[in-house]
C-alpha cells in the first residue's frame, strides 16, 4: 500500500477536502476549491489549479504593472487588463515572471514616463521563463533606448508585442540586447525613431538572438540612422525567420563588423528601404535564404552619395 498523505495515522487514498483529488496530488487538501485543473481566476492570488503560478491582476490587485512586478514572487504571473498604463521604469530584478495583456496588444498599452531609461529592464540574468507578451509599448523617451533593455546575460522571451512611437536619443535602438540568448516571436517594431546614428528599432551586441515572424515597419532616424530596423552589432549572432522589413530608413539591416558578426535571414521580405536592404562590414558572415529583396535604394533626388544597392557587403556569406 502507498501512504498517499505521508502520514501513517490516516487512511491511504486520503482526500481531506472531498474535492475528488487525493492529498498526494492536491496542493491544498484543506480547500475544496483548490486541486489540479481547478478554475484559476486571474483576480485570485491563490494557486487554485496547482500549477505553481500565482496570478496578479492589474489594476485590481495592484494599480500599476510596476507595482505588481515588485510584489510578485519568482515564477508568478502578472495579468494586465485592457487599458492604458503610464509606467515608470519596470526592473524585474532577477525574478522570472510572465507579464501579459489579457486582451492582447491591440487593447493593452504601456506608456513609458521616465526620460532617460527603458520601460522594461531585464538586467539581472532573468531566464527563458521570464515572458513579456501581448502588450503595446509606446511613447517611451529614453537616452538609452525606450521600450525594452535586455543586458548582462538576461534571456527573456518576448512574444506578441508591439513597440511603436518609441524614441532613442542615442544609438541603442528602442530595444537593446547585450549578451544572453533572448527570443523574439511575433514582435512588431513600427514607427520608432532615433536621434543616434546606428539604429531606430533593435540593436543586438554580443548575444545570440532568434527573431521569428517579427515585423519592422517605418522606423526612422531623426537626422539619419545607418540601419533603420536592425543592427547586428559587436560579436552578435542573429537568426531572422519569416520577417517583414518595410519602409525603414536608410539600410533596413546592418552588420557592424565590429568583432565577428553573424546574420542568417530565412523566408523573409525586405522592401522599400530608403537606402538599401542590408549592409555588411568586414568580419561579418551573412546568409540569406528564400528571401525577397524588393525596391530598396536611394530616391532619385537624394544627395547622400554612392552606395545604394540591395546588399552592400565587405564580409563573407551566401545568397540563396
Protein backbone atom coordinates (compact mmCIF):
# COMPACT_ATOMS: atom_id res chain seq x y z
CA UNK A 1 0.00 0.00 0.00
CA UNK A 2 1.08 3.60 -0.66
CA UNK A 3 0.98 6.11 2.16
CA UNK A 4 -0.63 8.81 -0.01
CA UNK A 5 -0.57 11.57 2.57
CA UNK A 6 2.79 10.64 4.14
CA UNK A 7 1.00 10.18 7.45
CA UNK A 8 0.81 6.68 8.88
CA UNK A 9 -2.08 7.72 11.18
CA UNK A 10 -4.53 8.46 8.34
CA UNK A 11 -6.02 6.17 5.74
CA UNK A 12 -4.43 5.85 2.32
CA UNK A 13 -6.11 7.46 -0.71
CA UNK A 14 -6.92 10.34 1.63
CA UNK A 15 -8.97 13.30 0.33
CA UNK A 16 -9.25 15.70 3.22
CA UNK A 17 -11.39 18.32 1.47
CA UNK A 18 -13.54 15.85 -0.52
CA UNK A 19 -12.82 17.56 -3.83
CA UNK A 20 -12.14 14.30 -5.65
CA UNK A 21 -8.33 14.64 -5.59
CA UNK A 22 -6.14 12.69 -3.21
CA UNK A 23 -3.80 14.58 -0.95
CA UNK A 24 -0.80 13.20 -2.84
CA UNK A 25 -1.62 15.49 -5.80
CA UNK A 26 -3.77 18.20 -4.19
CA UNK A 27 -1.63 21.25 -3.35
CA UNK A 28 -4.11 22.29 -0.61
CA UNK A 29 -6.10 19.34 0.68
CA UNK A 30 -7.89 21.59 3.14
CA UNK A 31 -9.61 23.71 0.48
CA UNK A 32 -12.09 22.07 -1.90
CA UNK A 33 -11.67 24.88 -4.46
CA UNK A 34 -8.00 24.02 -4.88
CA UNK A 35 -6.98 20.97 -6.91
CA UNK A 36 -5.14 20.14 -10.16
CA UNK A 37 -7.07 21.62 -13.09
CA UNK A 38 -9.37 23.78 -10.96
CA UNK A 39 -10.54 27.14 -12.35
CA UNK A 40 -7.86 29.73 -11.54
CA UNK A 41 -9.34 33.24 -11.83
CA UNK A 42 -6.98 35.98 -12.97
CA UNK A 43 -8.07 38.09 -9.98
CA UNK A 44 -7.04 35.45 -7.45
CA UNK A 45 -3.68 35.28 -5.73
CA UNK A 46 -4.36 31.66 -4.79
CA UNK A 47 -2.92 28.83 -6.87
CA UNK A 48 -6.28 27.10 -7.39
CA UNK A 49 -5.14 24.81 -10.21
CA UNK A 50 -1.90 23.65 -8.50
CA UNK A 51 0.28 24.74 -11.43
CA UNK A 52 2.67 26.60 -9.16
CA UNK A 53 1.74 30.05 -10.50
CA UNK A 54 0.23 32.89 -8.51
CA UNK A 55 -1.59 35.45 -10.64
CA UNK A 56 -1.60 39.20 -10.02
CA UNK A 57 -4.28 41.24 -11.79
CA UNK A 58 -3.59 44.85 -12.83
CA UNK A 59 -5.24 47.16 -11.86
CA UNK A 60 -7.36 45.04 -9.47
CA UNK A 61 -4.65 43.63 -7.20
CA UNK A 62 -2.06 46.33 -7.91
CA UNK A 63 -2.65 49.69 -9.60
CA UNK A 64 0.32 49.51 -11.97
CA UNK A 65 2.35 46.86 -13.76
CA UNK A 66 5.43 48.05 -11.90
CA UNK A 67 3.72 47.59 -8.53
CA UNK A 68 2.62 44.07 -9.49
CA UNK A 69 6.11 43.12 -10.65
CA UNK A 70 7.56 44.42 -7.38
CA UNK A 71 5.02 42.48 -5.31
CA UNK A 72 5.20 39.20 -7.26
CA UNK A 73 7.48 36.32 -6.39
CA UNK A 74 9.69 34.42 -8.80
CA UNK A 75 7.51 32.26 -11.05
CA UNK A 76 4.33 34.34 -10.66
CA UNK A 77 2.18 35.71 -13.48
CA UNK A 78 1.10 39.36 -13.89
CA UNK A 79 -2.12 39.74 -15.91
CA UNK A 80 -2.90 43.22 -17.25
CA UNK A 81 -6.49 44.15 -18.10
CA UNK A 82 -7.25 46.27 -21.21
CA UNK A 83 -6.36 49.92 -20.84
CA UNK A 84 -3.52 52.42 -20.96
CA UNK A 85 -0.92 52.31 -18.20
CA UNK A 86 1.59 55.14 -17.70
CA UNK A 87 4.61 53.36 -16.23
CA UNK A 88 7.96 54.39 -14.85
CA UNK A 89 10.87 52.03 -15.41
CA UNK A 90 9.99 48.41 -14.56
CA UNK A 91 13.02 46.37 -13.45
CA UNK A 92 12.41 42.65 -12.99
CA UNK A 93 15.27 42.36 -10.51
CA UNK A 94 16.15 38.79 -11.43
CA UNK A 95 12.61 37.45 -11.00
CA UNK A 96 11.30 35.18 -13.75
CA UNK A 97 7.74 36.42 -14.28
CA UNK A 98 5.19 36.16 -17.05
CA UNK A 99 3.70 39.59 -17.78
CA UNK A 100 0.83 39.60 -20.28
CA UNK A 101 -2.06 41.65 -21.56
CA UNK A 102 -5.22 39.63 -21.09
CA UNK A 103 -6.88 41.08 -24.22
CA UNK A 104 -3.76 41.33 -26.38
CA UNK A 105 -1.56 44.15 -27.61
CA UNK A 106 -4.40 45.85 -29.50
CA UNK A 107 -6.13 46.70 -26.22
CA UNK A 108 -3.31 46.97 -23.68
CA UNK A 109 -0.93 49.96 -23.85
CA UNK A 110 2.10 50.70 -21.71
CA UNK A 111 3.28 54.31 -21.93
CA UNK A 112 6.80 54.99 -20.74
CA UNK A 113 7.08 58.04 -18.49
CA UNK A 114 10.74 58.01 -17.40
CA UNK A 115 13.03 60.08 -19.59
CA UNK A 116 16.48 58.57 -19.87
CA UNK A 117 15.53 54.95 -19.29
CA UNK A 118 13.65 51.97 -20.73
CA UNK A 119 10.12 50.92 -19.87
CA UNK A 120 11.02 47.28 -19.15
CA UNK A 121 14.50 46.29 -17.95
CA UNK A 122 15.92 42.75 -17.85
CA UNK A 123 19.38 43.28 -16.37
CA UNK A 124 19.78 40.54 -13.70
CA UNK A 125 20.12 37.21 -15.53
CA UNK A 126 16.39 36.64 -15.99
CA UNK A 127 15.86 33.40 -17.93
CA UNK A 128 13.65 31.93 -20.64
CA UNK A 129 10.70 31.53 -18.25
CA UNK A 130 10.61 35.32 -17.97
CA UNK A 131 7.98 36.18 -20.58
CA UNK A 132 6.65 39.54 -21.79
CA UNK A 133 3.71 39.31 -24.17
CA UNK A 134 0.52 40.76 -25.60
CA UNK A 135 1.30 44.43 -24.87
CA UNK A 136 1.87 47.60 -26.90
CA UNK A 137 4.77 49.73 -25.63
CA UNK A 138 4.53 53.31 -26.79
CA UNK A 139 5.60 56.92 -26.25
CA UNK A 140 8.72 55.94 -24.39
CA UNK A 141 11.50 58.53 -24.29
CA UNK A 142 14.90 57.28 -23.16
CA UNK A 143 18.53 58.20 -23.65
CA UNK A 144 19.48 54.55 -23.99
CA UNK A 145 16.58 53.08 -25.85
CA UNK A 146 12.95 53.37 -24.92
CA UNK A 147 10.99 50.13 -24.81
CA UNK A 148 12.96 47.10 -23.55
CA UNK A 149 16.52 46.66 -22.30
CA UNK A 150 17.97 43.12 -22.14
CA UNK A 151 21.58 43.10 -20.91
CA UNK A 152 24.01 41.30 -18.63
CA UNK A 153 23.12 37.79 -19.82
CA UNK A 154 19.35 38.09 -19.37
CA UNK A 155 17.41 35.83 -21.75
CA UNK A 156 13.66 36.54 -21.58
CA UNK A 157 11.14 35.61 -24.26
CA UNK A 158 9.24 38.47 -25.93
CA UNK A 159 6.07 37.46 -27.73
CA UNK A 160 3.18 39.23 -29.50
CA UNK A 161 4.47 42.67 -28.50
CA UNK A 162 4.29 45.98 -30.35
CA UNK A 163 6.84 48.78 -29.96
CA UNK A 164 5.55 51.93 -31.63
CA UNK A 165 6.22 55.62 -31.27
CA UNK A 166 9.23 54.98 -29.04
CA UNK A 167 12.37 57.10 -29.26
CA UNK A 168 16.06 56.52 -28.72
CA UNK A 169 18.20 59.58 -28.09
CA UNK A 170 21.38 57.56 -28.52
CA UNK A 171 22.32 54.56 -30.68
CA UNK A 172 21.00 51.52 -28.80
CA UNK A 173 17.61 51.37 -30.50
CA UNK A 174 14.28 51.25 -28.71
CA UNK A 175 15.05 47.62 -27.87
CA UNK A 176 18.63 46.83 -26.91
CA UNK A 177 20.11 43.37 -26.32
CA UNK A 178 23.62 42.85 -24.98
CA UNK A 179 24.68 39.30 -24.04
CA UNK A 180 22.24 36.48 -23.30
CA UNK A 181 20.05 34.40 -25.60
CA UNK A 182 16.63 36.09 -25.67
CA UNK A 183 13.92 35.11 -28.12
CA UNK A 184 11.52 37.31 -30.10
CA UNK A 185 8.31 35.89 -31.54
CA UNK A 186 5.74 37.94 -33.47
CA UNK A 187 7.13 41.25 -32.21
CA UNK A 188 6.25 44.37 -34.21
CA UNK A 189 8.60 47.37 -34.40
CA UNK A 190 6.63 50.17 -36.03
CA UNK A 191 7.27 53.92 -36.39
CA UNK A 192 10.03 54.16 -33.82
CA UNK A 193 12.81 56.71 -34.23
CA UNK A 194 16.29 57.62 -33.05
CA UNK A 195 18.42 60.72 -32.75
CA UNK A 196 21.51 58.49 -32.78
CA UNK A 197 23.47 57.22 -35.74
CA UNK A 198 23.07 53.44 -35.56
CA UNK A 199 19.55 52.05 -35.36
CA UNK A 200 15.97 53.05 -34.64
CA UNK A 201 14.42 49.72 -33.67
CA UNK A 202 16.53 46.75 -32.45
CA UNK A 203 20.24 46.56 -31.65
CA UNK A 204 21.98 43.30 -30.68
CA UNK A 205 25.51 43.15 -29.26
CA UNK A 206 27.43 40.08 -28.04
CA UNK A 207 24.28 37.93 -27.90
CA UNK A 208 22.64 35.03 -29.69
CA UNK A 209 19.14 36.09 -30.72
CA UNK A 210 16.34 34.47 -32.72
CA UNK A 211 13.62 36.56 -34.37
CA UNK A 212 10.58 34.59 -35.54
CA UNK A 213 7.75 36.23 -37.53
CA UNK A 214 8.74 39.76 -36.50
CA UNK A 215 7.80 42.92 -38.43
CA UNK A 216 9.93 46.06 -38.79
CA UNK A 217 7.99 48.88 -40.47
CA UNK A 218 8.51 52.61 -40.91
CA UNK A 219 11.32 53.03 -38.38
CA UNK A 220 13.22 56.26 -38.96
CA UNK A 221 16.21 58.39 -37.99
CA UNK A 222 15.54 61.95 -36.92
CA UNK A 223 18.72 63.09 -38.65
CA UNK A 224 19.96 59.79 -40.03
CA UNK A 225 20.45 56.25 -38.76
CA UNK A 226 22.60 53.79 -40.66
CA UNK A 227 20.18 50.92 -40.01
CA UNK A 228 16.51 51.75 -39.69
CA UNK A 229 15.33 48.39 -38.42
CA UNK A 230 18.01 46.02 -37.11
CA UNK A 231 21.66 46.41 -36.16
CA UNK A 232 23.66 43.23 -35.62
CA UNK A 233 26.50 44.61 -33.56
CA UNK A 234 29.65 43.51 -31.77
CA UNK A 235 30.09 39.70 -31.66
CA UNK A 236 26.37 39.10 -32.25
CA UNK A 237 24.75 36.06 -33.86
CA UNK A 238 21.20 36.71 -35.07
CA UNK A 239 18.78 34.43 -36.92
CA UNK A 240 15.75 36.02 -38.61
CA UNK A 241 12.90 33.84 -39.86
CA UNK A 242 9.64 34.79 -41.61
CA UNK A 243 10.17 38.51 -41.01
CA UNK A 244 8.87 41.57 -42.85
CA UNK A 245 11.00 44.70 -43.23
CA UNK A 246 9.19 47.57 -44.96
CA UNK A 247 9.62 51.32 -45.28
CA UNK A 248 12.59 51.64 -42.94
CA UNK A 249 15.08 54.50 -43.21
CA UNK A 250 18.50 54.00 -44.80
CA UNK A 251 19.65 50.38 -44.76
CA UNK A 252 16.99 48.18 -43.18
CA UNK A 253 19.61 45.87 -41.66
CA UNK A 254 23.25 46.35 -40.79
CA UNK A 255 26.11 44.12 -39.64
CA UNK A 256 28.59 46.34 -37.87
CA UNK A 257 31.68 44.22 -38.49
CA UNK A 258 32.99 45.07 -35.02
CA UNK A 259 34.17 41.64 -33.86
CA UNK A 260 32.74 38.59 -35.60
CA UNK A 261 29.15 39.30 -36.59
CA UNK A 262 26.79 36.64 -37.96
CA UNK A 263 23.34 37.11 -39.50
CA UNK A 264 21.09 34.49 -41.07
CA UNK A 265 17.87 35.58 -42.80
CA UNK A 266 15.35 32.99 -43.97
CA UNK A 267 11.95 33.18 -45.68
CA UNK A 268 11.60 36.95 -45.23
CA UNK A 269 10.78 40.12 -47.17
CA UNK A 270 12.91 43.29 -47.22
CA UNK A 271 11.30 46.10 -49.18
CA UNK A 272 11.13 49.86 -49.66
CA UNK A 273 14.15 50.83 -47.56
CA UNK A 274 15.31 54.32 -48.47
CA UNK A 275 18.99 53.44 -48.96
CA UNK A 276 19.35 49.67 -49.27
CA UNK A 277 18.34 46.35 -47.79
CA UNK A 278 21.47 45.09 -45.99
CA UNK A 279 24.91 46.49 -45.29
CA UNK A 280 27.61 44.14 -44.02
CA UNK A 281 31.02 45.32 -42.86
CA UNK A 282 34.24 43.37 -42.50
CA UNK A 283 34.38 40.39 -40.11
CA UNK A 284 30.78 39.51 -40.97
CA UNK A 285 29.08 36.35 -42.13
CA UNK A 286 25.78 36.90 -43.93
CA UNK A 287 23.45 34.13 -45.11
CA UNK A 288 20.23 34.99 -46.94
CA UNK A 289 17.90 32.18 -47.99
CA UNK A 290 14.48 32.22 -49.68
CA UNK A 291 14.11 35.95 -49.07
CA UNK A 292 12.56 38.61 -51.32
CA UNK A 293 14.51 41.87 -51.59
CA UNK A 294 12.35 44.44 -53.36
CA UNK A 295 12.60 48.13 -54.28
CA UNK A 296 15.39 49.14 -51.92
CA UNK A 297 17.58 52.08 -52.91
CA UNK A 298 18.20 55.79 -52.92
CA UNK A 299 15.47 58.12 -54.14
CA UNK A 300 16.42 59.86 -57.34
CA UNK A 301 16.80 63.26 -55.67
CA UNK A 302 19.00 62.09 -52.82
CA UNK A 303 22.41 63.65 -52.25
CA UNK A 304 23.65 61.05 -49.75
CA UNK A 305 26.33 59.79 -52.11
CA UNK A 306 27.19 56.44 -53.58
CA UNK A 307 26.39 53.02 -52.20
CA UNK A 308 22.73 52.48 -52.98
CA UNK A 309 22.12 48.79 -53.51
CA UNK A 310 20.12 45.86 -52.29
CA UNK A 311 23.11 44.45 -50.39
CA UNK A 312 26.49 46.04 -49.65
CA UNK A 313 28.98 43.61 -48.13
CA UNK A 314 32.65 43.62 -47.25
CA UNK A 315 32.32 40.32 -45.39
CA UNK A 316 31.53 36.77 -46.47
CA UNK A 317 28.27 34.96 -46.97
CA UNK A 318 25.81 33.17 -49.20
CA UNK A 319 22.63 34.10 -51.03
CA UNK A 320 20.02 31.51 -51.92
